[in-house]
Amino acid sequence: MKIISVESISEAVKTRRKQLGLTQSETAAMCNVGARFFSELENGKETLQMNKVLHCLEMLGINLYAVNREDDMGEIK
């Protein structure tokens, strides 16, 4: 999945949580964040702390990469 917005991240998180068969509360506990934070993450809140977001992605087994566009698309955009 190409990440182009906060909504893309929230969609990836929600999809992965459901694949794992976990509730938001269970996933928040697994990620060591509050249930409110996790809910806001899944709802695409734009002002969340990036370090906590990255930690949740790590705990869910979601890799996030930064790739130069020319490497990704074969041309500079």
PDB file of N, CA and C in Angstrom:
ATOM      1  N   MET A   1       0.840  -1.171   0.000  1.00  0.00           N
ATOM      2  CA  MET A   1       0.000   0.000   0.000  1.00  0.00           C
ATOM      3  C   MET A   1       0.890   1.241   0.000  1.00  0.00           C
ATOM      4  N   LYS A   2       0.605   2.151  -0.888  1.00  0.00           N
ATOM      5  CA  LYS A   2       1.342   3.405  -0.945  1.00  0.00           C
ATOM      6  C   LYS A   2       0.756   4.357   0.093  1.00  0.00           C
ATOM      7  N   ILE A   3       1.616   4.894   0.948  1.00  0.00           N
ATOM      8  CA  ILE A   3       1.182   5.825   1.986  1.00  0.00           C
ATOM      9  C   ILE A   3       1.256   7.234   1.421  1.00  0.00           C
ATOM     10  N   ILE A   4       0.086   7.851   1.261  1.00  0.00           N
ATOM     11  CA  ILE A   4       0.045   9.200   0.707  1.00  0.00           C
ATOM     12  C   ILE A   4      -0.645  10.191   1.643  1.00  0.00           C
ATOM     13  N   SER A   5      -1.149   9.686   2.782  1.00  0.00           N
ATOM     14  CA  SER A   5      -1.858  10.556   3.709  1.00  0.00           C
ATOM     15  C   SER A   5      -1.940   9.879   5.080  1.00  0.00           C
ATOM     16  N   VAL A   6      -2.373  10.649   6.044  1.00  0.00           N
ATOM     17  CA  VAL A   6      -2.621  10.094   7.374  1.00  0.00           C
ATOM     18  C   VAL A   6      -3.681   9.005   7.291  1.00  0.00           C
ATOM     19  N   GLU A   7      -4.661   9.214   6.429  1.00  0.00           N
ATOM     20  CA  GLU A   7      -5.728   8.229   6.259  1.00  0.00           C
ATOM     21  C   GLU A   7      -5.178   6.896   5.752  1.00  0.00           C
ATOM     22  N   SER A   8      -4.135   6.938   4.921  1.00  0.00           N
ATOM     23  CA  SER A   8      -3.514   5.701   4.432  1.00  0.00           C
ATOM     24  C   SER A   8      -2.915   4.902   5.580  1.00  0.00           C
ATOM     25  N   ILE A   9      -2.278   5.606   6.506  1.00  0.00           N
ATOM     26  CA  ILE A   9      -1.692   4.939   7.668  1.00  0.00           C
ATOM     27  C   ILE A   9      -2.802   4.362   8.541  1.00  0.00           C
ATOM     28  N   SER A  10      -3.837   5.145   8.790  1.00  0.00           N
ATOM     29  CA  SER A  10      -4.920   4.658   9.646  1.00  0.00           C
ATOM     30  C   SER A  10      -5.615   3.450   9.024  1.00  0.00           C
ATOM     31  N   GLU A  11      -5.771   3.460   7.719  1.00  0.00           N
ATOM     32  CA  GLU A  11      -6.376   2.314   7.030  1.00  0.00           C
ATOM     33  C   GLU A  11      -5.514   1.063   7.177  1.00  0.00           C
ATOM     34  N   ALA A  12      -4.202   1.220   7.031  1.00  0.00           N
ATOM     35  CA  ALA A  12      -3.284   0.085   7.171  1.00  0.00           C
ATOM     36  C   ALA A  12      -3.332  -0.475   8.593  1.00  0.00           C
ATOM     37  N   VAL A  13      -3.388   0.409   9.581  1.00  0.00           N
ATOM     38  CA  VAL A  13      -3.434  -0.017  10.984  1.00  0.00           C
ATOM     39  C   VAL A  13      -4.730  -0.769  11.274  1.00  0.00           C
ATOM     40  N   LYS A  14      -5.842  -0.224  10.844  1.00  0.00           N
ATOM     41  CA  LYS A  14      -7.138  -0.861  11.104  1.00  0.00           C
ATOM     42  C   LYS A  14      -7.226  -2.225  10.413  1.00  0.00           C
ATOM     43  N   THR A  15      -6.759  -2.297   9.166  1.00  0.00           N
ATOM     44  CA  THR A  15      -6.780  -3.557   8.424  1.00  0.00           C
ATOM     45  C   THR A  15      -5.930  -4.609   9.130  1.00  0.00           C
ATOM     46  N   ARG A  16      -4.742  -4.216   9.573  1.00  0.00           N
ATOM     47  CA  ARG A  16      -3.843  -5.165  10.248  1.00  0.00           C
ATOM     48  C   ARG A  16      -4.428  -5.631  11.573  1.00  0.00           C
ATOM     49  N   ARG A  17      -5.016  -4.709  12.332  1.00  0.00           N
ATOM     50  CA  ARG A  17      -5.624  -5.083  13.616  1.00  0.00           C
ATOM     51  C   ARG A  17      -6.711  -6.125  13.405  1.00  0.00           C
ATOM     52  N   LYS A  18      -7.527  -5.900  12.404  1.00  0.00           N
ATOM     53  CA  LYS A  18      -8.605  -6.841  12.112  1.00  0.00           C
ATOM     54  C   LYS A  18      -8.055  -8.185  11.637  1.00  0.00           C
ATOM     55  N   GLN A  19      -6.963  -8.167  10.853  1.00  0.00           N
ATOM     56  CA  GLN A  19      -6.332  -9.419  10.424  1.00  0.00           C
ATOM     57  C   GLN A  19      -5.864 -10.219  11.635  1.00  0.00           C
ATOM     58  N   LEU A  20      -5.397  -9.505  12.651  1.00  0.00           N
ATOM     59  CA  LEU A  20      -4.904 -10.166  13.862  1.00  0.00           C
ATOM     60  C   LEU A  20      -6.046 -10.570  14.803  1.00  0.00           C
ATOM     61  N   GLY A  21      -7.258 -10.144  14.501  1.00  0.00           N
ATOM     62  CA  GLY A  21      -8.409 -10.506  15.314  1.00  0.00           C
ATOM     63  C   GLY A  21      -8.425  -9.831  16.671  1.00  0.00           C
ATOM     64  N   LEU A  22      -7.927  -8.605  16.730  1.00  0.00           N
ATOM     65  CA  LEU A  22      -7.836  -7.886  17.998  1.00  0.00           C
ATOM     66  C   LEU A  22      -8.818  -6.718  18.049  1.00  0.00           C
ATOM     67  N   THR A  23      -9.237  -6.366  19.255  1.00  0.00           N
ATOM     68  CA  THR A  23     -10.027  -5.157  19.445  1.00  0.00           C
ATOM     69  C   THR A  23      -9.079  -3.964  19.527  1.00  0.00           C
ATOM     70  N   GLN A  24      -9.642  -2.775  19.463  1.00  0.00           N
ATOM     71  CA  GLN A  24      -8.806  -1.578  19.634  1.00  0.00           C
ATOM     72  C   GLN A  24      -8.152  -1.575  21.006  1.00  0.00           C
ATOM     73  N   SER A  25      -8.892  -1.936  22.034  1.00  0.00           N
ATOM     74  CA  SER A  25      -8.345  -1.949  23.402  1.00  0.00           C
ATOM     75  C   SER A  25      -7.208  -2.953  23.555  1.00  0.00           C
ATOM     76  N   GLU A  26      -7.387  -4.132  22.989  1.00  0.00           N
ATOM     77  CA  GLU A  26      -6.331  -5.149  23.039  1.00  0.00           C
ATOM     78  C   GLU A  26      -5.085  -4.678  22.304  1.00  0.00           C
ATOM     79  N   THR A  27      -5.290  -4.050  21.158  1.00  0.00           N
ATOM     80  CA  THR A  27      -4.157  -3.593  20.366  1.00  0.00           C
ATOM     81  C   THR A  27      -3.454  -2.433  21.050  1.00  0.00           C
ATOM     82  N   ALA A  28      -4.217  -1.541  21.653  1.00  0.00           N
ATOM     83  CA  ALA A  28      -3.613  -0.432  22.398  1.00  0.00           C
ATOM     84  C   ALA A  28      -2.730  -0.974  23.519  1.00  0.00           C
ATOM     85  N   ALA A  29      -3.224  -1.968  24.255  1.00  0.00           N
ATOM     86  CA  ALA A  29      -2.443  -2.570  25.337  1.00  0.00           C
ATOM     87  C   ALA A  29      -1.180  -3.232  24.786  1.00  0.00           C
ATOM     88  N   MET A  30      -1.299  -3.932  23.678  1.00  0.00           N
ATOM     89  CA  MET A  30      -0.153  -4.583  23.051  1.00  0.00           C
ATOM     90  C   MET A  30       0.912  -3.557  22.646  1.00  0.00           C
ATOM     91  N   CYS A  31       0.442  -2.390  22.192  1.00  0.00           N
ATOM     92  CA  CYS A  31       1.346  -1.327  21.731  1.00  0.00           C
ATOM     93  C   CYS A  31       1.798  -0.415  22.870  1.00  0.00           C
ATOM     94  N   ASN A  32       1.266  -0.649  24.068  1.00  0.00           N
ATOM     95  CA  ASN A  32       1.594   0.161  25.238  1.00  0.00           C
ATOM     96  C   ASN A  32       1.223   1.639  25.037  1.00  0.00           C
ATOM     97  N   VAL A  33       0.055   1.855  24.446  1.00  0.00           N
ATOM     98  CA  VAL A  33      -0.500   3.200  24.297  1.00  0.00           C
ATOM     99  C   VAL A  33      -1.928   3.174  24.831  1.00  0.00           C
ATOM    100  N   GLY A  34      -2.471   4.326  25.066  1.00  0.00           N
ATOM    101  CA  GLY A  34      -3.841   4.396  25.561  1.00  0.00           C
ATOM    102  C   GLY A  34      -4.856   4.057  24.479  1.00  0.00           C
ATOM    103  N   ALA A  35      -6.033   3.631  24.930  1.00  0.00           N
ATOM    104  CA  ALA A  35      -7.104   3.291  23.988  1.00  0.00           C
ATOM    105  C   ALA A  35      -7.513   4.515  23.169  1.00  0.00           C
ATOM    106  N   ARG A  36      -7.512   5.684  23.787  1.00  0.00           N
ATOM    107  CA  ARG A  36      -7.875   6.903  23.058  1.00  0.00           C
ATOM    108  C   ARG A  36      -6.869   7.186  21.948  1.00  0.00           C
ATOM    109  N   PHE A  37      -5.572   7.060  22.264  1.00  0.00           N
ATOM    110  CA  PHE A  37      -4.546   7.276  21.241  1.00  0.00           C
ATOM    111  C   PHE A  37      -4.761   6.328  20.071  1.00  0.00           C
ATOM    112  N   PHE A  38      -4.992   5.057  20.383  1.00  0.00           N
ATOM    113  CA  PHE A  38      -5.138   4.076  19.309  1.00  0.00           C
ATOM    114  C   PHE A  38      -6.372   4.354  18.463  1.00  0.00           C
ATOM    115  N   SER A  39      -7.459   4.736  19.113  1.00  0.00           N
ATOM    116  CA  SER A  39      -8.667   5.103  18.377  1.00  0.00           C
ATOM    117  C   SER A  39      -8.396   6.290  17.448  1.00  0.00           C
ATOM    118  N   GLU A  40      -7.694   7.283  17.962  1.00  0.00           N
ATOM    119  CA  GLU A  40      -7.352   8.450  17.139  1.00  0.00           C
ATOM    120  C   GLU A  40      -6.432   8.062  15.982  1.00  0.00           C
ATOM    121  N   LEU A  41      -5.543   7.114  16.201  1.00  0.00           N
ATOM    122  CA  LEU A  41      -4.675   6.618  15.136  1.00  0.00           C
ATOM    123  C   LEU A  41      -5.510   5.987  14.027  1.00  0.00           C
ATOM    124  N   GLU A  42      -6.438   5.133  14.400  1.00  0.00           N
ATOM    125  CA  GLU A  42      -7.292   4.479  13.402  1.00  0.00           C
ATOM    126  C   GLU A  42      -8.252   5.447  12.715  1.00  0.00           C
ATOM    127  N   ASN A  43      -8.540   6.560  13.358  1.00  0.00           N
ATOM    128  CA  ASN A  43      -9.447   7.548  12.783  1.00  0.00           C
ATOM    129  C   ASN A  43      -8.717   8.659  12.037  1.00  0.00           C
ATOM    130  N   GLY A  44      -7.400   8.547  11.924  1.00  0.00           N
ATOM    131  CA  GLY A  44      -6.642   9.466  11.087  1.00  0.00           C
ATOM    132  C   GLY A  44      -6.368  10.838  11.678  1.00  0.00           C
ATOM    133  N   LYS A  45      -6.310  10.938  12.995  1.00  0.00           N
ATOM    134  CA  LYS A  45      -5.985  12.224  13.610  1.00  0.00           C
ATOM    135  C   LYS A  45      -4.591  12.648  13.159  1.00  0.00           C
ATOM    136  N   GLU A  46      -4.466  13.858  12.683  1.00  0.00           N
ATOM    137  CA  GLU A  46      -3.227  14.325  12.062  1.00  0.00           C
ATOM    138  C   GLU A  46      -2.172  14.817  13.034  1.00  0.00           C
ATOM    139  N   THR A  47      -2.518  15.018  14.301  1.00  0.00           N
ATOM    140  CA  THR A  47      -1.562  15.608  15.239  1.00  0.00           C
ATOM    141  C   THR A  47      -0.994  14.613  16.244  1.00  0.00           C
ATOM    142  N   LEU A  48      -1.027  13.337  15.944  1.00  0.00           N
ATOM    143  CA  LEU A  48      -0.489  12.330  16.851  1.00  0.00           C
ATOM    144  C   LEU A  48       1.035  12.375  16.868  1.00  0.00           C
ATOM    145  N   GLN A  49       1.605  11.947  17.982  1.00  0.00           N
ATOM    146  CA  GLN A  49       3.061  11.905  18.108  1.00  0.00           C
ATOM    147  C   GLN A  49       3.629  10.827  17.185  1.00  0.00           C
ATOM    148  N   MET A  50       4.522  11.246  16.315  1.00  0.00           N
ATOM    149  CA  MET A  50       5.067  10.344  15.301  1.00  0.00           C
ATOM    150  C   MET A  50       5.785   9.143  15.920  1.00  0.00           C
ATOM    151  N   ASN A  51       6.499   9.353  17.022  1.00  0.00           N
ATOM    152  CA  ASN A  51       7.218   8.226  17.628  1.00  0.00           C
ATOM    153  C   ASN A  51       6.245   7.155  18.118  1.00  0.00           C
ATOM    154  N   LYS A  52       5.081   7.557  18.631  1.00  0.00           N
ATOM    155  CA  LYS A  52       4.082   6.574  19.075  1.00  0.00           C
ATOM    156  C   LYS A  52       3.454   5.871  17.879  1.00  0.00           C
ATOM    157  N   VAL A  53       3.201   6.614  16.808  1.00  0.00           N
ATOM    158  CA  VAL A  53       2.650   6.005  15.595  1.00  0.00           C
ATOM    159  C   VAL A  53       3.619   4.954  15.067  1.00  0.00           C
ATOM    160  N   LEU A  54       4.893   5.308  14.963  1.00  0.00           N
ATOM    161  CA  LEU A  54       5.898   4.368  14.464  1.00  0.00           C
ATOM    162  C   LEU A  54       6.014   3.143  15.371  1.00  0.00           C
ATOM    163  N   HIS A  55       5.908   3.344  16.669  1.00  0.00           N
ATOM    164  CA  HIS A  55       5.953   2.221  17.607  1.00  0.00           C
ATOM    165  C   HIS A  55       4.767   1.274  17.369  1.00  0.00           C
ATOM    166  N   CYS A  56       3.577   1.842  17.175  1.00  0.00           N
ATOM    167  CA  CYS A  56       2.400   1.008  16.908  1.00  0.00           C
ATOM    168  C   CYS A  56       2.569   0.221  15.612  1.00  0.00           C
ATOM    169  N   LEU A  57       3.096   0.880  14.579  1.00  0.00           N
ATOM    170  CA  LEU A  57       3.337   0.172  13.317  1.00  0.00           C
ATOM    171  C   LEU A  57       4.293  -0.994  13.536  1.00  0.00           C
ATOM    172  N   GLU A  58       5.343  -0.756  14.300  1.00  0.00           N
ATOM    173  CA  GLU A  58       6.326  -1.810  14.598  1.00  0.00           C
ATOM    174  C   GLU A  58       5.670  -2.976  15.337  1.00  0.00           C
ATOM    175  N   MET A  59       4.871  -2.666  16.349  1.00  0.00           N
ATOM    176  CA  MET A  59       4.227  -3.709  17.139  1.00  0.00           C
ATOM    177  C   MET A  59       3.218  -4.511  16.321  1.00  0.00           C
ATOM    178  N   LEU A  60       2.606  -3.866  15.331  1.00  0.00           N
ATOM    179  CA  LEU A  60       1.633  -4.550  14.472  1.00  0.00           C
ATOM    180  C   LEU A  60       2.288  -5.301  13.316  1.00  0.00           C
ATOM    181  N   GLY A  61       3.597  -5.139  13.170  1.00  0.00           N
ATOM    182  CA  GLY A  61       4.291  -5.817  12.085  1.00  0.00           C
ATOM    183  C   GLY A  61       4.118  -5.122  10.748  1.00  0.00           C
ATOM    184  N   ILE A  62       3.922  -3.810  10.787  1.00  0.00           N
ATOM    185  CA  ILE A  62       3.777  -3.022   9.563  1.00  0.00           C
ATOM    186  C   ILE A  62       5.084  -2.288   9.308  1.00  0.00           C
ATOM    187  N   ASN A  63       5.675  -2.518   8.150  1.00  0.00           N
ATOM    188  CA  ASN A  63       6.888  -1.806   7.767  1.00  0.00           C
ATOM    189  C   ASN A  63       6.530  -0.546   6.998  1.00  0.00           C
ATOM    190  N   LEU A  64       7.240   0.520   7.276  1.00  0.00           N
ATOM    191  CA  LEU A  64       7.040   1.789   6.592  1.00  0.00           C
ATOM    192  C   LEU A  64       8.379   2.177   5.986  1.00  0.00           C
ATOM    193  N   TYR A  65       8.396   2.397   4.676  1.00  0.00           N
ATOM    194  CA  TYR A  65       9.625   2.710   3.974  1.00  0.00           C
ATOM    195  C   TYR A  65       9.569   4.091   3.349  1.00  0.00           C
ATOM    196  N   ALA A  66      10.718   4.713   3.242  1.00  0.00           N
ATOM    197  CA  ALA A  66      10.848   5.964   2.489  1.00  0.00           C
ATOM    198  C   ALA A  66      11.678   5.631   1.250  1.00  0.00           C
ATOM    199  N   VAL A  67      11.088   5.853   0.087  1.00  0.00           N
ATOM    200  CA  VAL A  67      11.741   5.522  -1.174  1.00  0.00           C
ATOM    201  C   VAL A  67      11.697   6.763  -2.053  1.00  0.00           C
ATOM    202  N   ASN A  68      12.828   7.096  -2.655  1.00  0.00           N
ATOM    203  CA  ASN A  68      12.835   8.206  -3.603  1.00  0.00           C
ATOM    204  C   ASN A  68      11.887   7.893  -4.741  1.00  0.00           C
ATOM    205  N   ARG A  69      11.137   8.876  -5.180  1.00  0.00           N
ATOM    206  CA  ARG A  69      10.151   8.638  -6.223  1.00  0.00           C
ATOM    207  C   ARG A  69      10.777   8.070  -7.486  1.00  0.00           C
ATOM    208  N   GLU A  70      11.952   8.543  -7.845  1.00  0.00           N
ATOM    209  CA  GLU A  70      12.561   8.025  -9.071  1.00  0.00           C
ATOM    210  C   GLU A  70      12.933   6.546  -8.924  1.00  0.00           C
ATOM    211  N   ASP A  71      13.210   6.122  -7.713  1.00  0.00           N
ATOM    212  CA  ASP A  71      13.496   4.699  -7.482  1.00  0.00           C
ATOM    213  C   ASP A  71      12.207   3.866  -7.492  1.00  0.00           C
ATOM    214  N   ASP A  72      11.130   4.471  -7.064  1.00  0.00           N
ATOM    215  CA  ASP A  72       9.852   3.782  -6.958  1.00  0.00           C
ATOM    216  C   ASP A  72       9.083   3.745  -8.275  1.00  0.00           C
ATOM    217  N   MET A  73       9.148   4.822  -9.021  1.00  0.00           N
ATOM    218  CA  MET A  73       8.338   4.957 -10.227  1.00  0.00           C
ATOM    219  C   MET A  73       9.153   4.938 -11.527  1.00  0.00           C
ATOM    220  N   GLY A  74      10.471   4.921 -11.421  1.00  0.00           N
ATOM    221  CA  GLY A  74      11.302   4.903 -12.601  1.00  0.00           C
ATOM    222  C   GLY A  74      11.519   6.273 -13.216  1.00  0.00           C
ATOM    223  N   GLU A  75      10.967   7.302 -12.593  1.00  0.00           N
ATOM    224  CA  GLU A  75      11.152   8.656 -13.104  1.00  0.00           C
ATOM    225  C   GLU A  75      10.990   9.649 -11.964  1.00  0.00           C
ATOM    226  N   ILE A  76      11.518  10.815 -12.130  1.00  0.00           N
ATOM    227  CA  ILE A  76      11.390  11.872 -11.119  1.00  0.00           C
ATOM    228  C   ILE A  76      10.039  12.538 -11.288  1.00  0.00           C
ATOM    229  N   LYS A  77       9.330  12.705 -10.189  1.00  0.00           N
ATOM    230  CA  LYS A  77       8.012  13.362 -10.213  1.00  0.00           C
ATOM    231  C   LYS A  77       8.104  14.723  -9.612  1.00  0.00           C
TER     232      LYS A  77
END
